Amino acid sequence: VLSGGGGAALFYVAAYALMTIGGFGVIVFLSIGGRERAELADMRGMAQ
């Protein structure tokens, strides 16, 4: 905004919205059995 880059700001907020929906969407999907898996420790060994 301060640099006058309205197009850049719009592109950035669109990219941020896409990434944050994915990030919080993972937390939503991992909330199994009513327990919210939102601790960093819950991500251990996720690849396996």
All heavy atoms as atom14 arrays in JSON, in Angstrom:
{
  "sequence": "VLSGGGGAALFYVAAYALMTIGGFGVIVFLSIGGRERAELADMRGMAQ",
  "atom14_mask": [
    [1, 1, 1, 1, 1, 1, 1, 0, 0, 0, 0, 0, 0, 0],
    [1, 1, 1, 1, 1, 1, 1, 1, 0, 0, 0, 0, 0, 0],
    [1, 1, 1, 1, 1, 1, 0, 0, 0, 0, 0, 0, 0, 0],
    [1, 1, 1, 1, 0, 0, 0, 0, 0, 0, 0, 0, 0, 0],
    [1, 1, 1, 1, 0, 0, 0, 0, 0, 0, 0, 0, 0, 0],
    [1, 1, 1, 1, 0, 0, 0, 0, 0, 0, 0, 0, 0, 0],
    [1, 1, 1, 1, 0, 0, 0, 0, 0, 0, 0, 0, 0, 0],
    [1, 1, 1, 1, 1, 0, 0, 0, 0, 0, 0, 0, 0, 0],
    [1, 1, 1, 1, 1, 0, 0, 0, 0, 0, 0, 0, 0, 0],
    [1, 1, 1, 1, 1, 1, 1, 1, 0, 0, 0, 0, 0, 0],
    [1, 1, 1, 1, 1, 1, 1, 1, 1, 1, 1, 0, 0, 0],
    [1, 1, 1, 1, 1, 1, 1, 1, 1, 1, 1, 1, 0, 0],
    [1, 1, 1, 1, 1, 1, 1, 0, 0, 0, 0, 0, 0, 0],
    [1, 1, 1, 1, 1, 0, 0, 0, 0, 0, 0, 0, 0, 0],
    [1, 1, 1, 1, 1, 0, 0, 0, 0, 0, 0, 0, 0, 0],
    [1, 1, 1, 1, 1, 1, 1, 1, 1, 1, 1, 1, 0, 0],
    [1, 1, 1, 1, 1, 0, 0, 0, 0, 0, 0, 0, 0, 0],
    [1, 1, 1, 1, 1, 1, 1, 1, 0, 0, 0, 0, 0, 0],
    [1, 1, 1, 1, 1, 1, 1, 1, 0, 0, 0, 0, 0, 0],
    [1, 1, 1, 1, 1, 1, 1, 0, 0, 0, 0, 0, 0, 0],
    [1, 1, 1, 1, 1, 1, 1, 1, 0, 0, 0, 0, 0, 0],
    [1, 1, 1, 1, 0, 0, 0, 0, 0, 0, 0, 0, 0, 0],
    [1, 1, 1, 1, 0, 0, 0, 0, 0, 0, 0, 0, 0, 0],
    [1, 1, 1, 1, 1, 1, 1, 1, 1, 1, 1, 0, 0, 0],
    [1, 1, 1, 1, 0, 0, 0, 0, 0, 0, 0, 0, 0, 0],
    [1, 1, 1, 1, 1, 1, 1, 0, 0, 0, 0, 0, 0, 0],
    [1, 1, 1, 1, 1, 1, 1, 1, 0, 0, 0, 0, 0, 0],
    [1, 1, 1, 1, 1, 1, 1, 0, 0, 0, 0, 0, 0, 0],
    [1, 1, 1, 1, 1, 1, 1, 1, 1, 1, 1, 0, 0, 0],
    [1, 1, 1, 1, 1, 1, 1, 1, 0, 0, 0, 0, 0, 0],
    [1, 1, 1, 1, 1, 1, 0, 0, 0, 0, 0, 0, 0, 0],
    [1, 1, 1, 1, 1, 1, 1, 1, 0, 0, 0, 0, 0, 0],
    [1, 1, 1, 1, 0, 0, 0, 0, 0, 0, 0, 0, 0, 0],
    [1, 1, 1, 1, 0, 0, 0, 0, 0, 0, 0, 0, 0, 0],
    [1, 1, 1, 1, 1, 1, 1, 1, 1, 1, 1, 0, 0, 0],
    [1, 1, 1, 1, 1, 1, 1, 1, 1, 0, 0, 0, 0, 0],
    [1, 1, 1, 1, 1, 1, 1, 1, 1, 1, 1, 0, 0, 0],
    [1, 1, 1, 1, 1, 0, 0, 0, 0, 0, 0, 0, 0, 0],
    [1, 1, 1, 1, 1, 1, 1, 1, 1, 0, 0, 0, 0, 0],
    [1, 1, 1, 1, 1, 1, 1, 1, 0, 0, 0, 0, 0, 0],
    [1, 1, 1, 1, 1, 0, 0, 0, 0, 0, 0, 0, 0, 0],
    [1, 1, 1, 1, 1, 1, 1, 1, 0, 0, 0, 0, 0, 0],
    [1, 1, 1, 1, 1, 1, 1, 1, 0, 0, 0, 0, 0, 0],
    [1, 1, 1, 1, 1, 1, 1, 1, 1, 1, 1, 0, 0, 0],
    [1, 1, 1, 1, 0, 0, 0, 0, 0, 0, 0, 0, 0, 0],
    [1, 1, 1, 1, 1, 1, 1, 1, 0, 0, 0, 0, 0, 0],
    [1, 1, 1, 1, 1, 0, 0, 0, 0, 0, 0, 0, 0, 0],
    [1, 1, 1, 1, 1, 1, 1, 1, 1, 0, 0, 0, 0, 0]
  ],
  "atom14_positions": [
    [[0.83, -1.21, 0.0], [0.0, 0.0, 0.0], [0.86, 1.25, 0.0], [0.65, 2.19, -0.78], [-0.95, 0.01, 1.22], [-1.73, 1.32, 1.28], [-1.91, -1.18, 1.15], [0.0, 0.0, 0.0], [0.0, 0.0, 0.0], [0.0, 0.0, 0.0], [0.0, 0.0, 0.0], [0.0, 0.0, 0.0], [0.0, 0.0, 0.0], [0.0, 0.0, 0.0]],
    [[1.88, 1.3, 0.87], [2.68, 2.53, 1.0], [3.53, 2.82, -0.22], [3.88, 3.96, -0.5], [3.53, 2.48, 2.27], [4.79, 1.61, 2.33], [6.01, 2.35, 1.79], [5.05, 1.15, 3.75], [0.0, 0.0, 0.0], [0.0, 0.0, 0.0], [0.0, 0.0, 0.0], [0.0, 0.0, 0.0], [0.0, 0.0, 0.0], [0.0, 0.0, 0.0]],
    [[3.86, 1.78, -0.97], [4.69, 1.99, -2.16], [3.85, 2.3, -3.4], [4.4, 2.52, -4.48], [5.53, 0.74, -2.43], [4.71, -0.38, -2.71], [0.0, 0.0, 0.0], [0.0, 0.0, 0.0], [0.0, 0.0, 0.0], [0.0, 0.0, 0.0], [0.0, 0.0, 0.0], [0.0, 0.0, 0.0], [0.0, 0.0, 0.0], [0.0, 0.0, 0.0]],
    [[2.53, 2.33, -3.24], [1.67, 2.6, -4.38], [1.45, 1.39, -5.26], [0.87, 1.51, -6.34], [0.0, 0.0, 0.0], [0.0, 0.0, 0.0], [0.0, 0.0, 0.0], [0.0, 0.0, 0.0], [0.0, 0.0, 0.0], [0.0, 0.0, 0.0], [0.0, 0.0, 0.0], [0.0, 0.0, 0.0], [0.0, 0.0, 0.0], [0.0, 0.0, 0.0]],
    [[1.89, 0.22, -4.81], [1.72, -0.99, -5.6], [0.42, -1.69, -5.28], [0.39, -2.75, -4.64], [0.0, 0.0, 0.0], [0.0, 0.0, 0.0], [0.0, 0.0, 0.0], [0.0, 0.0, 0.0], [0.0, 0.0, 0.0], [0.0, 0.0, 0.0], [0.0, 0.0, 0.0], [0.0, 0.0, 0.0], [0.0, 0.0, 0.0], [0.0, 0.0, 0.0]],
    [[-0.69, -1.1, -5.73], [-2.0, -1.69, -5.45], [-2.14, -3.08, -6.03], [-2.67, -3.99, -5.4], [0.0, 0.0, 0.0], [0.0, 0.0, 0.0], [0.0, 0.0, 0.0], [0.0, 0.0, 0.0], [0.0, 0.0, 0.0], [0.0, 0.0, 0.0], [0.0, 0.0, 0.0], [0.0, 0.0, 0.0], [0.0, 0.0, 0.0], [0.0, 0.0, 0.0]],
    [[-1.64, -3.28, -7.26], [-1.69, -4.6, -7.87], [-0.86, -5.61, -7.12], [-1.28, -6.77, -6.94], [0.0, 0.0, 0.0], [0.0, 0.0, 0.0], [0.0, 0.0, 0.0], [0.0, 0.0, 0.0], [0.0, 0.0, 0.0], [0.0, 0.0, 0.0], [0.0, 0.0, 0.0], [0.0, 0.0, 0.0], [0.0, 0.0, 0.0], [0.0, 0.0, 0.0]],
    [[0.32, -5.18, -6.65], [1.18, -6.08, -5.86], [0.51, -6.45, -4.55], [0.57, -7.6, -4.11], [2.53, -5.4, -5.6], [0.0, 0.0, 0.0], [0.0, 0.0, 0.0], [0.0, 0.0, 0.0], [0.0, 0.0, 0.0], [0.0, 0.0, 0.0], [0.0, 0.0, 0.0], [0.0, 0.0, 0.0], [0.0, 0.0, 0.0], [0.0, 0.0, 0.0]],
    [[-0.14, -5.46, -3.9], [-0.82, -5.73, -2.63], [-1.98, -6.7, -2.83], [-2.21, -7.59, -2.02], [-1.3, -4.43, -2.01], [0.0, 0.0, 0.0], [0.0, 0.0, 0.0], [0.0, 0.0, 0.0], [0.0, 0.0, 0.0], [0.0, 0.0, 0.0], [0.0, 0.0, 0.0], [0.0, 0.0, 0.0], [0.0, 0.0, 0.0], [0.0, 0.0, 0.0]],
    [[-2.73, -6.52, -3.92], [-3.84, -7.43, -4.21], [-3.35, -8.84, -4.48], [-3.93, -9.82, -4.0], [-4.64, -6.91, -5.41], [-5.57, -5.73, -5.16], [-6.14, -5.22, -6.48], [-6.69, -6.12, -4.22], [0.0, 0.0, 0.0], [0.0, 0.0, 0.0], [0.0, 0.0, 0.0], [0.0, 0.0, 0.0], [0.0, 0.0, 0.0], [0.0, 0.0, 0.0]],
    [[-2.28, -8.95, -5.27], [-1.72, -10.27, -5.55], [-1.22, -10.92, -4.26], [-1.41, -12.12, -4.04], [-0.57, -10.16, -6.56], [0.04, -11.48, -6.94], [-0.58, -12.31, -7.85], [1.22, -11.91, -6.35], [-0.03, -13.54, -8.19], [1.78, -13.13, -6.68], [1.16, -13.95, -7.6], [0.0, 0.0, 0.0], [0.0, 0.0, 0.0], [0.0, 0.0, 0.0]],
    [[-0.6, -10.11, -3.39], [-0.08, -10.66, -2.15], [-1.2, -11.17, -1.26], [-1.11, -12.26, -0.69], [0.75, -9.62, -1.4], [1.57, -10.23, -0.28], [2.89, -10.6, -0.5], [1.02, -10.48, 0.98], [3.63, -11.18, 0.5], [1.75, -11.07, 1.98], [3.06, -11.42, 1.74], [3.79, -12.02, 2.74], [0.0, 0.0, 0.0], [0.0, 0.0, 0.0]],
    [[-2.27, -10.37, -1.12], [-3.34, -10.79, -0.23], [-4.07, -12.0, -0.8], [-4.58, -12.85, -0.05], [-4.3, -9.61, 0.04], [-5.3, -9.41, -1.08], [-5.04, -9.8, 1.37], [0.0, 0.0, 0.0], [0.0, 0.0, 0.0], [0.0, 0.0, 0.0], [0.0, 0.0, 0.0], [0.0, 0.0, 0.0], [0.0, 0.0, 0.0], [0.0, 0.0, 0.0]],
    [[-4.13, -12.13, -2.13], [-4.73, -13.31, -2.74], [-3.88, -14.55, -2.45], [-4.42, -15.62, -2.09], [-4.87, -13.11, -4.25], [0.0, 0.0, 0.0], [0.0, 0.0, 0.0], [0.0, 0.0, 0.0], [0.0, 0.0, 0.0], [0.0, 0.0, 0.0], [0.0, 0.0, 0.0], [0.0, 0.0, 0.0], [0.0, 0.0, 0.0], [0.0, 0.0, 0.0]],
    [[-2.56, -14.4, -2.59], [-1.67, -15.52, -2.28], [-1.74, -15.89, -0.81], [-1.76, -17.08, -0.45], [-0.23, -15.15, -2.67], [0.0, 0.0, 0.0], [0.0, 0.0, 0.0], [0.0, 0.0, 0.0], [0.0, 0.0, 0.0], [0.0, 0.0, 0.0], [0.0, 0.0, 0.0], [0.0, 0.0, 0.0], [0.0, 0.0, 0.0], [0.0, 0.0, 0.0]],
    [[-1.79, -14.87, 0.05], [-1.88, -15.14, 1.49], [-3.17, -15.86, 1.83], [-3.18, -16.8, 2.64], [-1.78, -13.84, 2.28], [-2.1, -14.04, 3.74], [-1.17, -14.65, 4.59], [-3.34, -13.67, 4.25], [-1.47, -14.87, 5.91], [-3.64, -13.89, 5.58], [-2.71, -14.49, 6.41], [-3.03, -14.73, 7.73], [0.0, 0.0, 0.0], [0.0, 0.0, 0.0]],
    [[-4.28, -15.43, 1.24], [-5.57, -16.09, 1.51], [-5.51, -17.55, 1.1], [-5.99, -18.44, 1.83], [-6.69, -15.36, 0.78], [0.0, 0.0, 0.0], [0.0, 0.0, 0.0], [0.0, 0.0, 0.0], [0.0, 0.0, 0.0], [0.0, 0.0, 0.0], [0.0, 0.0, 0.0], [0.0, 0.0, 0.0], [0.0, 0.0, 0.0], [0.0, 0.0, 0.0]],
    [[-4.92, -17.84, -0.05], [-4.79, -19.22, -0.51], [-3.96, -20.04, 0.46], [-4.34, -21.16, 0.85], [-4.16, -19.23, -1.9], [-3.9, -20.6, -2.53], [-5.2, -21.32, -2.8], [-3.09, -20.46, -3.83], [0.0, 0.0, 0.0], [0.0, 0.0, 0.0], [0.0, 0.0, 0.0], [0.0, 0.0, 0.0], [0.0, 0.0, 0.0], [0.0, 0.0, 0.0]],
    [[-2.82, -19.49, 0.89], [-1.94, -20.23, 1.8], [-2.56, -20.42, 3.18], [-2.43, -21.48, 3.79], [-0.6, -19.51, 1.9], [0.19, -19.47, 0.62], [1.82, -18.7, 0.78], [1.39, -16.99, 1.15], [0.0, 0.0, 0.0], [0.0, 0.0, 0.0], [0.0, 0.0, 0.0], [0.0, 0.0, 0.0], [0.0, 0.0, 0.0], [0.0, 0.0, 0.0]],
    [[-3.24, -19.4, 3.67], [-3.78, -19.5, 5.03], [-4.99, -20.42, 5.07], [-5.23, -21.11, 6.07], [-4.12, -18.1, 5.57], [-4.19, -18.16, 6.99], [-5.43, -17.58, 5.05], [0.0, 0.0, 0.0], [0.0, 0.0, 0.0], [0.0, 0.0, 0.0], [0.0, 0.0, 0.0], [0.0, 0.0, 0.0], [0.0, 0.0, 0.0], [0.0, 0.0, 0.0]],
    [[-5.77, -20.47, 3.99], [-6.87, -21.44, 3.93], [-6.32, -22.84, 3.98], [-6.85, -23.72, 4.67], [-7.72, -21.21, 2.66], [-8.56, -19.94, 2.8], [-8.62, -22.4, 2.39], [-9.31, -19.56, 1.54], [0.0, 0.0, 0.0], [0.0, 0.0, 0.0], [0.0, 0.0, 0.0], [0.0, 0.0, 0.0], [0.0, 0.0, 0.0], [0.0, 0.0, 0.0]],
    [[-5.22, -23.08, 3.25], [-4.59, -24.39, 3.3], [-4.03, -24.71, 4.67], [-4.2, -25.82, 5.19], [0.0, 0.0, 0.0], [0.0, 0.0, 0.0], [0.0, 0.0, 0.0], [0.0, 0.0, 0.0], [0.0, 0.0, 0.0], [0.0, 0.0, 0.0], [0.0, 0.0, 0.0], [0.0, 0.0, 0.0], [0.0, 0.0, 0.0], [0.0, 0.0, 0.0]],
    [[-3.35, -23.74, 5.3], [-2.73, -23.98, 6.6], [-3.75, -24.28, 7.69], [-3.63, -25.28, 8.42], [0.0, 0.0, 0.0], [0.0, 0.0, 0.0], [0.0, 0.0, 0.0], [0.0, 0.0, 0.0], [0.0, 0.0, 0.0], [0.0, 0.0, 0.0], [0.0, 0.0, 0.0], [0.0, 0.0, 0.0], [0.0, 0.0, 0.0], [0.0, 0.0, 0.0]],
    [[-4.77, -23.43, 7.8], [-5.8, -23.69, 8.81], [-6.72, -24.84, 8.39], [-7.32, -25.5, 9.24], [-6.62, -22.42, 9.06], [-5.91, -21.42, 9.93], [-5.32, -20.3, 9.38], [-5.8, -21.61, 11.3], [-4.65, -19.38, 10.16], [-5.13, -20.7, 12.1], [-4.54, -19.58, 11.54], [0.0, 0.0, 0.0], [0.0, 0.0, 0.0], [0.0, 0.0, 0.0]],
    [[-6.82, -25.07, 7.07], [-7.59, -26.22, 6.62], [-6.99, -27.53, 7.1], [-7.72, -28.47, 7.45], [0.0, 0.0, 0.0], [0.0, 0.0, 0.0], [0.0, 0.0, 0.0], [0.0, 0.0, 0.0], [0.0, 0.0, 0.0], [0.0, 0.0, 0.0], [0.0, 0.0, 0.0], [0.0, 0.0, 0.0], [0.0, 0.0, 0.0], [0.0, 0.0, 0.0]],
    [[-5.67, -27.61, 7.15], [-5.02, -28.82, 7.68], [-5.39, -29.02, 9.14], [-5.69, -30.13, 9.58], [-3.49, -28.71, 7.51], [-2.78, -29.81, 8.3], [-3.1, -28.79, 6.04], [0.0, 0.0, 0.0], [0.0, 0.0, 0.0], [0.0, 0.0, 0.0], [0.0, 0.0, 0.0], [0.0, 0.0, 0.0], [0.0, 0.0, 0.0], [0.0, 0.0, 0.0]],
    [[-5.38, -27.92, 9.92], [-5.77, -28.02, 11.34], [-7.21, -28.5, 11.46], [-7.54, -29.34, 12.32], [-5.6, -26.66, 12.03], [-4.13, -26.24, 12.01], [-6.12, -26.71, 13.47], [-3.88, -24.85, 12.56], [0.0, 0.0, 0.0], [0.0, 0.0, 0.0], [0.0, 0.0, 0.0], [0.0, 0.0, 0.0], [0.0, 0.0, 0.0], [0.0, 0.0, 0.0]],
    [[-8.07, -28.01, 10.59], [-9.48, -28.43, 10.6], [-9.59, -29.91, 10.31], [-10.31, -30.65, 11.0], [-10.28, -27.61, 9.57], [-11.66, -28.22, 9.35], [-10.43, -26.17, 10.03], [0.0, 0.0, 0.0], [0.0, 0.0, 0.0], [0.0, 0.0, 0.0], [0.0, 0.0, 0.0], [0.0, 0.0, 0.0], [0.0, 0.0, 0.0], [0.0, 0.0, 0.0]],
    [[-8.88, -30.4, 9.31], [-8.96, -31.81, 8.93], [-8.35, -32.74, 9.98], [-8.75, -33.89, 10.11], [-8.28, -32.04, 7.59], [-9.02, -31.45, 6.42], [-8.33, -31.01, 5.3], [-10.39, -31.31, 6.44], [-9.0, -30.45, 4.22], [-11.08, -30.76, 5.37], [-10.38, -30.33, 4.26], [0.0, 0.0, 0.0], [0.0, 0.0, 0.0], [0.0, 0.0, 0.0]],
    [[-7.36, -32.24, 10.71], [-6.71, -33.07, 11.72], [-7.45, -33.07, 13.05], [-7.05, -33.79, 13.96], [-5.27, -32.58, 11.96], [-4.3, -32.75, 10.78], [-2.92, -32.26, 11.17], [-4.24, -34.2, 10.32], [0.0, 0.0, 0.0], [0.0, 0.0, 0.0], [0.0, 0.0, 0.0], [0.0, 0.0, 0.0], [0.0, 0.0, 0.0], [0.0, 0.0, 0.0]],
    [[-8.52, -32.29, 13.16], [-9.31, -32.26, 14.4], [-10.2, -33.49, 14.42], [-11.38, -33.46, 14.08], [-10.13, -30.98, 14.46], [-9.3, -29.85, 14.47], [0.0, 0.0, 0.0], [0.0, 0.0, 0.0], [0.0, 0.0, 0.0], [0.0, 0.0, 0.0], [0.0, 0.0, 0.0], [0.0, 0.0, 0.0], [0.0, 0.0, 0.0], [0.0, 0.0, 0.0]],
    [[-9.61, -34.6, 14.84], [-10.28, -35.9, 14.83], [-10.88, -36.17, 16.2], [-10.25, -35.94, 17.23], [-9.29, -37.01, 14.46], [-8.69, -36.73, 13.08], [-9.97, -38.37, 14.48], [-7.54, -37.62, 12.72], [0.0, 0.0, 0.0], [0.0, 0.0, 0.0], [0.0, 0.0, 0.0], [0.0, 0.0, 0.0], [0.0, 0.0, 0.0], [0.0, 0.0, 0.0]],
    [[-12.11, -36.67, 16.21], [-12.75, -37.04, 17.46], [-13.03, -35.86, 18.37], [-13.16, -36.03, 19.58], [0.0, 0.0, 0.0], [0.0, 0.0, 0.0], [0.0, 0.0, 0.0], [0.0, 0.0, 0.0], [0.0, 0.0, 0.0], [0.0, 0.0, 0.0], [0.0, 0.0, 0.0], [0.0, 0.0, 0.0], [0.0, 0.0, 0.0], [0.0, 0.0, 0.0]],
    [[-13.13, -34.66, 17.82], [-13.44, -33.5, 18.64], [-12.24, -32.84, 19.28], [-12.37, -31.79, 19.89], [0.0, 0.0, 0.0], [0.0, 0.0, 0.0], [0.0, 0.0, 0.0], [0.0, 0.0, 0.0], [0.0, 0.0, 0.0], [0.0, 0.0, 0.0], [0.0, 0.0, 0.0], [0.0, 0.0, 0.0], [0.0, 0.0, 0.0], [0.0, 0.0, 0.0]],
    [[-11.05, -33.47, 19.17], [-9.85, -32.86, 19.76], [-9.1, -32.11, 18.67], [-8.77, -32.66, 17.63], [-8.94, -33.94, 20.36], [-7.69, -33.35, 21.04], [-6.84, -34.43, 21.67], [-6.04, -35.15, 20.69], [-4.85, -34.75, 20.26], [-4.35, -33.61, 20.7], [-4.16, -35.48, 19.4], [0.0, 0.0, 0.0], [0.0, 0.0, 0.0], [0.0, 0.0, 0.0]],
    [[-8.85, -30.85, 18.95], [-8.16, -30.01, 17.97], [-6.66, -30.27, 18.03], [-6.01, -30.04, 19.04], [-8.46, -28.54, 18.28], [-8.2, -27.62, 17.13], [-8.73, -26.22, 17.38], [-8.01, -25.42, 17.99], [-9.89, -25.94, 17.0], [0.0, 0.0, 0.0], [0.0, 0.0, 0.0], [0.0, 0.0, 0.0], [0.0, 0.0, 0.0], [0.0, 0.0, 0.0]],
    [[-6.12, -30.74, 16.93], [-4.67, -31.02, 16.84], [-3.97, -29.76, 16.34], [-3.67, -29.65, 15.16], [-4.41, -32.21, 15.91], [-4.99, -33.52, 16.41], [-4.86, -34.6, 15.36], [-5.4, -35.87, 15.84], [-4.67, -36.86, 16.35], [-3.36, -36.72, 16.43], [-5.23, -37.97, 16.76], [0.0, 0.0, 0.0], [0.0, 0.0, 0.0], [0.0, 0.0, 0.0]],
    [[-3.72, -28.86, 17.26], [-3.16, -27.57, 16.88], [-1.83, -27.29, 17.55], [-1.33, -26.17, 17.49], [-4.14, -26.45, 17.2], [0.0, 0.0, 0.0], [0.0, 0.0, 0.0], [0.0, 0.0, 0.0], [0.0, 0.0, 0.0], [0.0, 0.0, 0.0], [0.0, 0.0, 0.0], [0.0, 0.0, 0.0], [0.0, 0.0, 0.0], [0.0, 0.0, 0.0]],
    [[-1.23, -28.28, 18.19], [0.08, -28.11, 18.79], [1.15, -28.52, 17.79], [0.94, -29.41, 16.96], [0.2, -28.92, 20.08], [-0.79, -28.54, 21.16], [-0.59, -27.12, 21.66], [0.58, -26.67, 21.73], [-1.6, -26.45, 21.96], [0.0, 0.0, 0.0], [0.0, 0.0, 0.0], [0.0, 0.0, 0.0], [0.0, 0.0, 0.0], [0.0, 0.0, 0.0]],
    [[2.31, -27.9, 17.87], [3.41, -28.29, 16.99], [3.78, -29.75, 17.2], [4.19, -30.44, 16.25], [4.62, -27.39, 17.23], [4.5, -25.92, 16.8], [5.82, -25.21, 17.01], [4.04, -25.79, 15.36], [0.0, 0.0, 0.0], [0.0, 0.0, 0.0], [0.0, 0.0, 0.0], [0.0, 0.0, 0.0], [0.0, 0.0, 0.0], [0.0, 0.0, 0.0]],
    [[3.64, -30.23, 18.43], [3.97, -31.63, 18.72], [3.09, -32.59, 17.93], [3.5, -33.73, 17.64], [3.83, -31.89, 20.22], [0.0, 0.0, 0.0], [0.0, 0.0, 0.0], [0.0, 0.0, 0.0], [0.0, 0.0, 0.0], [0.0, 0.0, 0.0], [0.0, 0.0, 0.0], [0.0, 0.0, 0.0], [0.0, 0.0, 0.0], [0.0, 0.0, 0.0]],
    [[1.89, -32.15, 17.57], [1.0, -33.02, 16.79], [1.5, -33.23, 15.37], [1.0, -34.13, 14.68], [-0.41, -32.39, 16.74], [-1.08, -32.37, 18.1], [-0.87, -33.31, 18.88], [-1.81, -31.39, 18.38], [0.0, 0.0, 0.0], [0.0, 0.0, 0.0], [0.0, 0.0, 0.0], [0.0, 0.0, 0.0], [0.0, 0.0, 0.0], [0.0, 0.0, 0.0]],
    [[2.45, -32.43, 14.93], [2.98, -32.57, 13.58], [4.15, -33.53, 13.5], [4.63, -33.83, 12.41], [3.42, -31.2, 13.04], [2.33, -30.13, 13.07], [0.83, -30.61, 12.17], [1.44, -30.64, 10.49], [0.0, 0.0, 0.0], [0.0, 0.0, 0.0], [0.0, 0.0, 0.0], [0.0, 0.0, 0.0], [0.0, 0.0, 0.0], [0.0, 0.0, 0.0]],
    [[4.61, -34.03, 14.64], [5.76, -34.95, 14.62], [5.42, -36.24, 13.86], [4.39, -36.86, 14.08], [6.16, -35.32, 16.06], [6.9, -34.22, 16.78], [7.61, -34.79, 18.0], [8.45, -33.8, 18.65], [8.11, -33.13, 19.73], [6.93, -33.36, 20.3], [8.92, -32.24, 20.26], [0.0, 0.0, 0.0], [0.0, 0.0, 0.0], [0.0, 0.0, 0.0]],
    [[6.32, -36.62, 12.96], [6.15, -37.86, 12.22], [4.98, -37.86, 11.26], [4.52, -38.93, 10.84], [0.0, 0.0, 0.0], [0.0, 0.0, 0.0], [0.0, 0.0, 0.0], [0.0, 0.0, 0.0], [0.0, 0.0, 0.0], [0.0, 0.0, 0.0], [0.0, 0.0, 0.0], [0.0, 0.0, 0.0], [0.0, 0.0, 0.0], [0.0, 0.0, 0.0]],
    [[4.5, -36.7, 10.86], [3.32, -36.63, 9.98], [3.6, -37.27, 8.63], [2.7, -37.83, 8.0], [2.91, -35.17, 9.8], [1.61, -34.96, 9.02], [0.18, -35.77, 9.77], [0.0, -34.77, 11.25], [0.0, 0.0, 0.0], [0.0, 0.0, 0.0], [0.0, 0.0, 0.0], [0.0, 0.0, 0.0], [0.0, 0.0, 0.0], [0.0, 0.0, 0.0]],
    [[4.84, -37.25, 8.17], [5.17, -37.84, 6.87], [4.9, -39.34, 6.86], [4.53, -39.91, 5.82], [6.63, -37.58, 6.53], [0.0, 0.0, 0.0], [0.0, 0.0, 0.0], [0.0, 0.0, 0.0], [0.0, 0.0, 0.0], [0.0, 0.0, 0.0], [0.0, 0.0, 0.0], [0.0, 0.0, 0.0], [0.0, 0.0, 0.0], [0.0, 0.0, 0.0]],
    [[5.08, -40.02, 8.01], [4.82, -41.45, 8.09], [3.32, -41.74, 8.31], [2.85, -42.81, 7.96], [5.61, -42.09, 9.24], [7.11, -42.19, 8.99], [7.81, -40.87, 9.15], [7.51, -40.12, 10.08], [8.75, -40.56, 8.26], [0.0, 0.0, 0.0], [0.0, 0.0, 0.0], [0.0, 0.0, 0.0], [0.0, 0.0, 0.0], [0.0, 0.0, 0.0]]
  ]
}
